[in-house]
Protein backbone atom coordinates (compact mmCIF):
# COMPACT_ATOMS: atom_id res chain seq x y z
CA MET A 1 -7.03 10.80 -14.44
CA SER A 2 -5.69 7.92 -15.19
CA ALA A 3 -4.20 6.10 -18.22
CA ILE A 4 -6.46 2.71 -17.23
CA LYS A 5 -9.49 4.89 -18.26
CA ASN A 6 -8.34 4.24 -21.76
CA VAL A 7 -8.86 0.69 -21.20
CA GLY A 8 -12.46 1.04 -22.10
CA ILE A 9 -15.05 -1.96 -22.84
CA THR A 10 -13.79 -2.26 -26.55
CA ALA A 11 -10.20 -2.69 -25.67
CA VAL A 12 -11.27 -5.54 -22.97
CA GLU A 13 -13.74 -7.07 -25.70
CA GLU A 14 -10.26 -7.37 -27.32
CA ILE A 15 -7.94 -8.55 -25.16
CA ILE A 16 -10.30 -11.48 -24.49
CA LYS A 17 -11.33 -12.18 -28.04
CA THR A 18 -7.23 -12.29 -28.71
CA ARG A 19 -6.80 -14.93 -25.71
CA GLU A 20 -9.87 -16.69 -27.13
CA ARG A 21 -8.55 -17.02 -30.54
CA LEU A 22 -5.04 -17.76 -29.37
CA GLY A 23 -6.50 -20.40 -26.99
CA ARG A 24 -3.59 -19.90 -24.34
CA ASP A 25 -2.43 -17.16 -21.96
CA PHE A 26 -0.56 -14.19 -23.33
CA THR A 27 3.42 -14.94 -22.60
CA SER A 28 4.70 -11.69 -22.55
CA ILE A 29 3.96 -7.79 -23.34
CA PHE A 30 6.04 -8.51 -26.85
CA ASP A 31 3.70 -11.51 -27.81
CA PHE A 32 0.12 -9.62 -26.67
CA CYS A 33 1.22 -6.49 -28.48
CA SER A 34 1.35 -9.23 -31.46
CA ASN A 35 -1.87 -10.41 -31.55
CA VAL A 36 -4.12 -7.62 -30.05
CA ASP A 37 -5.37 -4.74 -31.87
CA THR A 38 -2.80 -1.84 -31.01
CA ARG A 39 -5.30 0.58 -32.31
CA VAL A 40 -7.89 -0.65 -30.11
CA VAL A 41 -5.82 -1.58 -26.66
CA ASN A 42 -3.16 1.45 -27.29
CA LYS A 43 0.06 3.29 -25.93
CA ARG A 44 -2.01 4.87 -23.20
CA GLY A 45 -3.90 1.72 -22.50
CA LEU A 46 -1.50 -0.83 -22.15
CA GLU A 47 0.55 1.90 -19.92
CA GLY A 48 -2.75 1.87 -17.64
CA LEU A 49 -2.19 -2.46 -18.44
CA VAL A 50 0.93 -2.13 -17.04
CA LEU A 51 0.85 0.17 -14.10
CA ALA A 52 -2.47 -1.70 -12.84
CA GLY A 53 -0.36 -4.82 -12.34
CA ALA A 54 -2.11 -6.87 -15.58
CA PHE A 55 1.13 -8.07 -16.52
CA ASP A 56 2.50 -9.48 -13.29
CA SER A 57 1.55 -13.03 -13.94
CA ILE A 58 4.09 -12.80 -16.78
CA ASN A 59 6.33 -10.99 -15.01
CA LYS A 60 6.62 -8.67 -11.78
CA LYS A 61 9.21 -6.06 -12.89
CA ARG A 62 6.89 -3.60 -13.57
CA ALA A 63 9.32 -1.22 -14.43
CA GLU A 64 11.24 -2.73 -16.94
CA GLN A 65 7.71 -3.43 -18.83
CA PHE A 66 6.74 0.32 -18.42
CA ALA A 67 10.07 1.20 -19.97
CA ALA A 68 9.39 -1.57 -22.81
CA ILE A 69 6.05 -0.24 -24.28
CA GLU A 70 7.49 1.77 -27.21
CA ASP A 71 9.47 -1.35 -28.32
CA ALA A 72 6.33 -3.81 -27.27
CA LEU A 73 4.16 -1.29 -29.86
CA SER A 74 6.46 -1.23 -32.56
CA PHE A 75 7.65 -5.07 -32.11
CA GLY A 76 3.82 -5.77 -32.62
CA HIS A 77 3.39 -3.65 -35.37
CA LYS A 78 6.10 -5.59 -37.25
CA THR A 79 5.10 -8.82 -36.24
CA GLN A 80 1.35 -8.05 -37.71
CA ASN A 81 2.54 -6.64 -40.94
CA SER A 82 4.89 -9.32 -41.30
CA LYS A 83 1.90 -11.51 -41.06
CA LEU A 84 -0.54 -9.68 -43.23
CA THR A 85 2.45 -9.46 -45.72
CA THR A 86 2.89 -12.92 -45.89
CA GLU A 87 -1.00 -14.66 -45.89
CA ASN A 88 -1.42 -12.34 -49.08
CA SER A 89 1.80 -13.37 -50.56
CA LEU A 90 2.10 -15.87 -52.98
CA PHE A 91 3.18 -18.70 -50.35
CA GLY A 92 1.21 -17.21 -47.85
CA ASN A 93 0.59 -20.59 -46.65
CA LEU A 94 3.89 -22.30 -46.72
CA GLU A 95 5.93 -20.33 -44.49
CA ASP A 96 5.21 -18.02 -41.52
CA VAL A 97 7.92 -15.30 -40.91
CA GLN A 98 9.41 -15.75 -37.45
CA ILE A 99 10.59 -12.39 -35.65
CA SER A 100 12.87 -12.58 -32.13
CA GLU A 101 11.05 -10.75 -29.49
CA PRO A 102 13.40 -7.99 -27.99
CA GLU A 103 14.64 -8.44 -24.24
CA LEU A 104 13.07 -6.15 -21.46
CA PRO A 105 15.54 -3.36 -20.34
CA LYS A 106 17.38 -4.69 -17.32
CA ILE A 107 16.18 -1.72 -14.75
CA PRO A 108 16.08 -1.27 -11.30
CA MET A 109 13.05 -2.64 -9.57
CA TRP A 110 10.54 -0.22 -8.38
CA SER A 111 9.96 0.33 -4.75
CA GLN A 112 7.21 -0.77 -2.87
CA LYS A 113 6.00 2.67 -2.20
CA GLU A 114 6.89 3.54 -5.74
CA ARG A 115 4.43 0.88 -7.47
CA LEU A 116 1.59 1.17 -5.30
CA ALA A 117 1.69 4.80 -5.93
CA ARG A 118 1.18 4.12 -9.74
CA GLU A 119 -1.25 1.28 -9.04
CA ARG A 120 -3.18 4.18 -7.22
CA GLU A 121 -2.57 6.78 -9.96
CA VAL A 122 -4.20 4.48 -12.80
CA LEU A 123 -7.43 3.16 -10.64
CA GLY A 124 -7.79 5.78 -8.13
CA PHE A 125 -7.08 2.77 -5.39
CA TYR A 126 -4.41 0.03 -4.37
CA VAL A 127 -4.54 -3.06 -5.30
CA THR A 128 -1.52 -5.12 -4.34
CA GLY A 129 -1.25 -3.50 -1.00
CA HIS A 130 -1.33 -0.98 0.78
CA PRO A 131 1.40 1.44 2.15
CA LEU A 132 -0.07 1.55 5.89
CA TYR A 133 0.27 -2.23 6.14
CA LYS A 134 4.09 -1.52 7.27
CA TYR A 135 2.48 0.25 10.48
CA GLU A 136 -0.83 -1.96 10.92
CA LEU A 137 0.21 -2.49 14.56
CA GLU A 138 0.51 1.29 15.15
CA TYR A 139 -2.69 1.92 13.27
CA ASN A 140 -5.01 -0.47 15.53
CA SER A 141 -3.10 0.65 18.91
CA PHE A 142 -3.08 4.55 18.86
CA THR A 143 -5.71 5.59 16.72
CA SER A 144 -9.09 6.80 18.34
CA ILE A 145 -11.16 7.13 15.08
CA LYS A 146 -11.24 5.04 11.25
CA LEU A 147 -11.31 7.75 8.61
CA GLY A 148 -14.83 7.83 6.93
CA GLU A 149 -16.70 6.94 10.38
CA ASN A 150 -17.72 10.52 10.14
CA GLU A 151 -20.62 10.19 11.97
CA THR A 152 -18.41 9.69 15.21
CA LEU A 153 -16.67 12.45 15.72
CA GLU A 154 -19.24 15.26 15.73
CA GLU A 155 -18.87 15.79 19.68
CA VAL A 156 -15.01 14.84 19.90
CA ASP A 157 -12.54 17.36 21.02
CA ASN A 158 -9.87 15.49 19.28
CA VAL A 159 -8.91 12.40 17.18
CA ARG A 160 -5.59 10.54 16.69
CA ALA A 161 -5.67 8.68 13.27
CA CYS A 162 -2.98 7.74 10.63
CA GLY A 163 -2.58 7.25 7.23
CA VAL A 164 -0.94 8.01 3.63
CA ILE A 165 -1.46 11.49 2.64
CA THR A 166 -3.24 10.79 -1.25
CA SER A 167 -3.50 14.38 -2.51
CA VAL A 168 -1.79 17.83 -1.37
CA LYS A 169 -2.40 21.13 -2.14
CA THR A 170 -0.82 24.16 -0.81
CA LYS A 171 -2.15 27.87 -0.32
CA ILE A 172 -0.75 31.32 0.81
CA ASP A 173 -3.53 32.82 3.21
CA LYS A 174 -3.91 36.48 3.84
CA SER A 175 -0.55 36.48 5.92
CA GLY A 176 1.35 35.39 2.98
CA ARG A 177 2.17 32.47 4.97
CA THR A 178 1.99 29.26 3.55
CA MET A 179 -1.40 26.84 4.93
CA VAL A 180 -1.81 23.28 3.36
CA PHE A 181 -4.90 21.17 2.21
CA PHE A 182 -4.03 17.26 1.89
CA THR A 183 -5.80 13.90 1.77
CA LEU A 184 -5.65 11.13 4.51
CA ASP A 185 -6.35 7.61 3.32
CA ASP A 186 -6.51 4.57 6.03
CA PHE A 187 -8.05 1.02 5.40
CA HIS A 188 -11.63 2.44 5.89
CA GLY A 189 -11.90 5.45 4.17
CA SER A 190 -10.25 9.19 3.66
CA CYS A 191 -10.58 12.42 5.27
CA GLU A 192 -9.67 16.31 3.91
CA CYS A 193 -6.89 17.72 6.15
CA LEU A 194 -6.07 21.58 7.01
CA MET A 195 -2.68 22.35 8.55
CA PHE A 196 -2.52 26.45 8.90
CA ALA A 197 0.57 28.35 8.85
CA LYS A 198 1.89 28.15 11.63
CA VAL A 199 1.65 24.75 12.72
CA TYR A 200 2.30 23.86 8.60
CA GLU A 201 6.16 25.90 9.82
CA LYS A 202 6.86 23.05 12.38
CA TYR A 203 5.47 19.81 10.66
CA GLY A 204 5.19 21.12 6.87
CA ASN A 205 8.50 18.73 5.91
CA PHE A 206 6.23 15.59 6.50
CA ILE A 207 3.43 16.35 4.29
CA GLU A 208 4.09 15.02 0.82
CA GLU A 209 2.15 12.46 -1.20
CA GLU A 210 2.40 8.56 -0.47
CA GLU A 211 3.87 9.58 3.14
CA CYS A 212 2.55 7.60 5.85
CA ILE A 213 1.85 9.53 9.25
CA PHE A 214 0.40 9.92 12.36
CA ILE A 215 -1.96 12.89 13.26
CA ILE A 216 -3.68 14.62 15.98
CA GLY A 217 -6.16 16.71 15.44
CA ARG A 218 -9.47 18.86 15.65
CA PRO A 219 -12.51 17.23 13.54
CA GLU A 220 -14.76 19.95 12.09
CA SER A 221 -17.94 19.45 10.52
CA SER A 222 -18.35 20.47 7.00
CA GLY A 223 -21.61 19.52 5.66
CA ASP A 224 -21.94 16.15 5.55
CA ALA A 225 -18.15 15.25 5.61
CA ILE A 226 -15.92 15.69 8.61
CA LYS A 227 -12.25 17.64 8.04
CA LEU A 228 -9.87 17.57 10.65
CA HIS A 229 -8.13 20.75 11.84
CA ILE A 230 -3.99 19.37 12.36
CA GLU A 231 -2.35 20.02 15.29
CA GLU A 232 0.80 17.76 15.20
CA VAL A 233 2.27 15.21 12.86
CA VAL A 234 4.15 12.17 14.11
CA PRO A 235 6.28 10.42 12.43
CA LEU A 236 4.84 6.78 12.41
CA GLU A 237 8.58 5.15 13.20
CA ASP A 238 8.07 7.50 16.29
CA ALA A 239 4.34 6.23 17.53
CA LYS A 240 5.08 3.51 19.33
CA GLU A 241 7.90 5.33 21.78
CA LYS A 242 5.21 8.36 22.20
CA PHE A 243 2.47 6.43 22.36
CA THR A 244 2.89 2.73 24.24
CA GLN A 245 1.91 3.05 27.72
CA SER A 246 2.09 -0.63 28.28
CA VAL A 247 3.27 -3.64 26.04
CA LYS A 248 0.52 -6.98 26.52
CA ILE A 249 1.99 -10.04 25.16
CA CYS A 250 -1.07 -12.73 24.65
CA LEU A 251 -0.48 -16.86 24.47
CA ASP A 252 -2.51 -19.89 24.27
CA LYS A 253 -1.32 -22.41 27.05
CA GLU A 254 -2.35 -24.88 24.63
CA ARG A 255 -0.26 -24.12 21.88
CA ASN A 256 2.95 -22.60 23.70
CA LYS A 257 4.09 -25.01 25.93
CA PRO A 258 7.03 -24.22 28.57
CA GLU A 259 9.59 -24.05 26.74
CA LYS A 260 8.17 -21.67 24.53
CA ILE A 261 7.47 -19.23 27.80
CA LYS A 262 10.95 -19.73 28.25
CA GLU A 263 11.59 -18.42 24.61
CA LEU A 264 9.43 -15.62 25.25
CA LYS A 265 11.56 -14.18 28.77
CA ASN A 266 15.14 -14.37 26.46
CA ILE A 267 13.33 -12.21 24.18
CA LEU A 268 12.03 -9.89 26.92
CA ASP A 269 15.55 -9.96 28.55
CA LYS A 270 17.58 -8.93 25.30
CA ASN A 271 14.84 -5.50 25.07
CA LYS A 272 15.11 -4.41 28.66
CA GLY A 273 13.40 -0.89 29.15
CA ASN A 274 10.54 0.70 31.40
CA LEU A 275 7.67 -0.10 29.55
CA PRO A 276 5.56 -2.34 31.91
CA VAL A 277 4.64 -6.08 30.53
CA TYR A 278 1.69 -8.44 30.90
CA LEU A 279 1.34 -11.65 29.98
CA GLN A 280 -1.77 -12.59 28.79
CA LEU A 281 -2.77 -16.50 28.87
CA GLY A 282 -5.48 -18.71 27.49
CA TYR A 283 -6.33 -22.01 27.29
CA ASN A 284 -8.35 -23.78 24.34
CA GLY A 285 -10.77 -20.39 23.90
CA SER A 286 -11.71 -20.47 27.19
CA LYS A 287 -11.46 -16.93 29.46
CA SER A 288 -7.63 -15.59 29.78
CA ARG A 289 -5.79 -14.74 32.86
CA LEU A 290 -3.99 -11.79 32.72
CA PHE A 291 -0.20 -11.62 34.76
CA PHE A 292 2.13 -8.83 35.42
CA LEU A 293 5.17 -9.36 34.57
CA LYS A 294 7.26 -6.56 36.86
CA GLU A 295 10.38 -7.87 36.82
CA ASN A 296 10.43 -7.57 33.05
CA LYS A 297 10.27 -4.24 31.93
CA ILE A 298 11.19 -3.53 28.52
CA ARG A 299 11.48 -0.89 25.29
CA ILE A 300 9.63 -1.38 22.47
CA THR A 301 11.60 -1.98 18.98
CA GLU A 302 10.79 -3.10 15.36
CA GLU A 303 13.32 -6.12 16.52
CA LEU A 304 11.37 -7.15 19.64
CA ILE A 305 7.91 -6.97 17.71
CA LYS A 306 9.47 -9.36 14.85
CA GLU A 307 10.84 -12.02 17.32
CA ILE A 308 7.76 -11.83 18.98
CA GLU A 309 5.32 -12.31 16.24
CA ASN A 310 8.17 -15.14 14.81
CA SER A 311 7.56 -17.02 17.73
CA PHE A 312 3.73 -16.90 18.87
CA GLY A 313 1.90 -15.37 16.16
CA GLU A 314 0.99 -11.77 14.23
CA ASN A 315 -1.82 -10.97 16.63
CA SER A 316 0.55 -11.83 19.66
CA ILE A 317 1.75 -8.78 20.88
CA VAL A 318 -0.34 -5.60 22.03
CA LEU A 319 0.19 -2.01 22.88
CA SER A 320 -1.64 -0.08 25.02
CA LYS A 321 -1.96 3.76 24.45
CA LYS A 322 -1.04 6.50 26.30
């Protein structure tokens, strides 16, 4: 499955031993290859280390480091051979051969989507983020299940879930039409999904690896696991507009003085629409009070959410689902 499997215990021991011998951290991928035994930490293992982010503390541009692997290994071989030649020469104790490190190739950085996809490819899970973080508000507001909580689904007719597609497999059914099986992952677990041909013809363009989607489907028990039969796919960019029934703004009265309330009014006035707005005011952790802002119906947009969260905190806006 992954290159990281090639970084076994022996390779890890070699990396630790080399670092202890040097008495310092590695300074670059070239420095790394100049000092470790590259017969132990080979090309596949080095690829796995780069893709998993092992060199991020040195340089966060993984695309450049990945493109430099061949050059780094070649540089390492030359450096180590030069050291051996010097040590075995008549003047080995009098001089050291210095070889200048090459520069990393100047290529575009990977997008967050590609970086995370490659992380998952080598590790089997995401490390430095999750594709779904961008849609955390939709996830918390509109889903009816957390994937992996199978025991809660057996008596449910219809569920809403969202996640990132981590594997896709198409199949031709008895009628010669295409159907698809895919795995959907969220923050809690994963679930196998099935989309029959009629539904696939309508929503198949959304089914790609590493894409985040919102689904509506029927759960079906399959032994110890639950499989979801997908009936509808909603692009996550459209979920707020489709599923939001009302908006609640949560403020702590002690931390938000009257001038901050005026700031909220200005934000709402810039985003007039049809959605009802409620203001939940708490005071120093005591029981909160809920007010209906009948003159401030709004439309929900990314700009509105960002403004409210920047002004009042990440958990200051709640979307109530239909």
